[in-house]
Protein backbone atom coordinates (compact mmCIF):
# COMPACT_ATOMS: atom_id res chain seq x y z
CA MET A 1 82.97 76.73 104.94
CA LYS A 2 79.61 75.98 103.29
CA ILE A 3 77.96 72.58 103.32
CA GLU A 4 75.12 71.25 101.19
CA ILE A 5 73.53 67.85 101.71
CA LEU A 6 72.02 65.48 99.13
CA TYR A 7 69.59 62.77 100.18
CA LYS A 8 68.83 60.30 97.42
CA ASP A 9 67.58 56.77 96.99
CA ARG A 10 70.38 54.23 97.02
CA PHE A 11 69.03 52.56 93.86
CA GLU A 12 68.80 55.81 91.90
CA ASN A 13 71.47 56.96 89.45
CA SER A 14 70.08 60.20 88.10
CA GLY A 15 71.33 62.31 91.02
CA GLN A 16 74.60 62.57 89.13
CA LEU A 17 73.34 65.68 87.33
CA LEU A 18 73.10 67.59 90.59
CA ILE A 19 76.37 66.15 91.91
CA ASP A 20 78.15 67.17 88.68
CA LYS A 21 76.73 70.68 88.82
CA LEU A 22 77.82 71.20 92.42
CA THR A 23 81.22 69.51 92.17
CA LYS A 24 82.35 70.53 88.69
CA GLN A 25 80.72 73.91 88.16
CA GLU A 26 80.48 75.20 91.71
CA LYS A 27 83.62 73.40 93.01
CA TYR A 28 82.07 71.52 95.94
CA GLU A 29 84.07 68.60 97.36
CA LEU A 30 81.89 65.46 97.49
CA ILE A 31 81.92 63.32 100.63
CA ASP A 32 79.79 60.20 100.13
CA PHE A 33 78.81 58.69 103.49
CA SER A 34 78.79 55.09 102.18
CA ASP A 35 82.16 55.47 100.44
CA VAL A 36 83.73 56.93 103.60
CA LEU A 37 82.47 54.04 105.75
CA ARG A 38 83.66 51.44 103.22
CA ARG A 39 87.08 53.11 102.98
CA HIS A 40 87.53 53.04 106.74
CA ILE A 41 86.45 49.40 106.98
CA ASN A 42 88.63 48.28 104.05
CA SER A 43 91.71 50.14 105.32
CA GLU A 44 91.15 48.74 108.82
CA SER A 45 91.68 52.19 110.31
CA GLU A 46 90.96 52.63 114.00
CA LEU A 47 87.51 53.99 113.15
CA GLY A 48 87.02 51.23 110.57
CA LEU A 49 87.73 48.56 113.17
CA LYS A 50 85.15 50.15 115.47
CA LEU A 51 82.63 50.16 112.62
CA GLN A 52 83.37 46.54 111.77
CA SER A 53 82.90 45.42 115.37
CA TYR A 54 79.34 46.81 115.38
CA LEU A 55 78.60 45.27 111.98
CA ASN A 56 79.97 41.88 113.05
CA LYS A 57 77.57 41.90 116.00
CA GLY A 58 74.66 42.94 113.78
CA GLN A 59 74.28 46.17 115.72
CA LEU A 60 73.48 49.66 114.51
CA ILE A 61 76.46 51.98 114.30
CA PRO A 62 76.09 54.65 117.01
CA ALA A 63 75.46 58.21 115.87
CA GLU A 64 78.50 59.38 117.83
CA LEU A 65 80.77 57.10 115.77
CA THR A 66 79.30 58.09 112.40
CA ASN A 67 79.55 61.74 113.43
CA GLU A 68 83.19 61.30 114.44
CA ILE A 69 83.97 59.69 111.09
CA MET A 70 82.21 62.36 109.02
CA THR A 71 83.49 65.34 111.01
CA THR A 72 87.02 63.94 110.69
CA GLU A 73 86.52 63.83 106.90
CA ILE A 74 85.20 67.39 106.81
CA ASN A 75 88.09 68.65 108.95
CA GLN A 76 90.56 67.18 106.43
CA ILE A 77 88.98 68.90 103.41
CA GLN A 78 91.06 71.67 101.86
CA THR A 79 88.14 73.52 100.29
CA ASP A 80 85.46 75.82 101.63
CA LYS A 81 82.54 74.04 99.88
CA VAL A 82 81.42 70.52 100.78
CA LEU A 83 78.61 68.33 99.42
CA LEU A 84 77.62 65.53 101.80
CA LYS A 85 75.78 62.62 100.24
CA ASN A 86 73.27 60.83 102.51
CA TYR A 87 74.57 62.15 105.82
CA PRO A 88 73.34 62.98 108.43
CA LYS A 89 70.26 60.71 108.46
CA SER A 90 68.86 60.09 111.95
CA LYS A 91 67.63 62.80 114.27
CA GLU A 92 70.57 62.08 116.59
CA GLN A 93 73.09 62.32 113.73
CA ILE A 94 71.53 65.61 112.63
CA GLU A 95 71.73 67.06 116.14
CA LEU A 96 75.39 66.04 116.50
CA PHE A 97 76.19 67.39 113.03
CA ILE A 98 74.46 70.73 113.70
CA GLU A 99 76.43 71.05 116.94
CA PHE A 100 79.65 70.41 114.98
CA CYS A 101 78.68 73.05 112.38
CA LYS A 102 78.00 75.62 115.08
CA GLU A 103 81.31 74.93 116.83
CA LYS A 104 83.25 75.22 113.57
CA LYS A 105 81.18 78.16 112.28
CA ILE A 106 80.18 76.17 109.21
CA GLU A 107 77.23 77.41 107.15
CA LEU A 108 74.73 74.67 106.38
CA LYS A 109 73.49 76.18 103.14
CA ARG A 110 70.81 73.75 101.95
CA ALA A 111 69.69 70.14 101.77
CA TRP A 112 68.48 68.53 98.56
CA HIS A 113 65.99 65.66 98.62
CA MET A 114 65.85 63.81 95.35
CA VAL A 115 62.66 61.74 95.10
CA SER A 116 63.10 58.91 92.62
CA LEU A 117 60.43 58.32 90.02
CA ASN A 118 61.66 55.27 88.09
CA VAL A 119 63.54 53.10 90.57
CA LEU A 120 62.34 49.86 89.02
CA ALA A 121 63.82 50.94 85.68
CA ASN A 122 67.20 50.62 87.38
CA LEU A 123 66.61 46.90 87.87
CA GLU A 124 66.83 46.37 84.14
CA LYS A 125 69.55 48.96 83.46
CA ILE A 126 72.10 48.46 86.25
CA PRO A 127 73.68 44.99 86.37
CA LYS A 128 74.43 44.98 90.12
CA HIS A 129 70.80 45.83 90.96
CA SER A 130 69.51 43.20 88.51
CA LYS A 131 71.74 40.61 90.18
CA MET A 132 70.48 41.69 93.59
CA ALA A 133 66.86 41.36 92.49
CA ALA A 134 67.64 37.93 90.97
CA LYS A 135 69.26 36.83 94.22
CA TYR A 136 66.04 37.55 96.08
CA LYS A 137 63.94 35.99 93.28
CA SER A 138 61.89 39.15 92.74
CA HIS A 139 61.91 42.92 92.65
CA GLU A 140 60.26 43.03 96.07
CA TYR A 141 63.61 43.39 97.86
CA ILE A 142 64.48 46.46 95.82
CA GLU A 143 61.00 47.93 96.27
CA MET A 144 61.12 47.37 100.03
CA ASN A 145 64.55 49.01 100.32
CA HIS A 146 63.47 51.86 98.05
CA GLU A 147 60.46 52.54 100.27
CA ARG A 148 62.62 52.33 103.41
CA SER A 149 65.22 54.68 101.89
CA ASN A 150 62.55 57.19 100.81
CA LYS A 151 60.98 57.13 104.28
CA ALA A 152 64.36 57.73 105.95
CA ASN A 153 65.18 60.52 103.49
CA SER A 154 61.80 62.19 104.06
CA GLU A 155 62.29 62.06 107.82
CA SER A 156 65.82 63.45 107.45
CA ILE A 157 64.72 66.32 105.26
CA GLN A 158 61.91 67.22 107.68
CA GLU A 159 64.40 67.35 110.58
CA ILE A 160 67.17 69.19 108.71
CA ALA A 161 64.59 71.78 107.55
CA ASN A 162 64.83 73.19 111.07
CA TYR A 163 68.39 74.29 110.29
CA CYS A 164 68.62 75.18 106.59
CA GLU A 165 66.80 75.62 103.30
CA THR A 166 65.51 72.36 101.85
CA ILE A 167 64.65 71.55 98.25
CA THR A 168 62.72 68.46 97.26
CA PHE A 169 62.57 67.53 93.60
CA GLU A 170 61.62 64.53 91.53
CA SER A 171 64.16 62.86 89.32
CA GLU A 172 63.95 60.15 86.72
CA SER A 173 66.28 57.23 86.21
CA TYR A 174 68.69 57.24 83.32
CA GLY A 175 67.70 60.62 82.02
CA VAL A 176 64.33 59.48 80.72
CA ASN A 177 63.43 63.11 81.21
CA ILE A 178 66.89 64.60 81.66
CA GLU A 179 65.93 68.04 80.33
CA ASN A 180 63.28 68.44 83.04
CA ASP A 181 65.82 67.28 85.64
CA LYS A 182 68.25 69.96 84.43
CA ILE A 183 65.53 72.61 84.69
CA ARG A 184 64.51 71.49 88.18
CA ILE A 185 68.13 71.59 89.37
CA SER A 186 69.04 74.93 87.79
CA ASN A 187 65.94 76.58 89.22
CA HIS A 188 67.35 75.98 92.69
CA THR A 189 71.10 76.54 92.38
């Protein structure tokens, strides 16, 4: 099995070009970390109930639990190519994930780091983000989370670079410069 990882800003939509290329053209199965966690919580699975108990207490979810959830997902995949979106993040998650890959003889092929250029453009274009910004009376909430997300992604990509090829590229919201995004992506796949 081969695994590629995509780290991208949570308020950025343009990463879909890369996701489409890997999933549709190269037949990678996408596992989105956020979607997996939400599914487990909503279905009230055993793992979901564990997740919810940490969230209810306002605690961070332990790396061991997130690793168990994601490795369970990977073990259920019926394909030999997987694209993980936004996992693993922390140094501890990365170490646990690398250990899992070694045990299962999984090739960690590369990690993509998409650096967002026009995050604030999303505030005007995506209704849910506009509502979020309105709720907090300014764009500062989005900017703060964007900066936090970029910092976490940068730290993740630095750590994961010890284990696989990494590619960092800039991407623009809503295809403002979609042709350049296509060129940047195809130069690396």
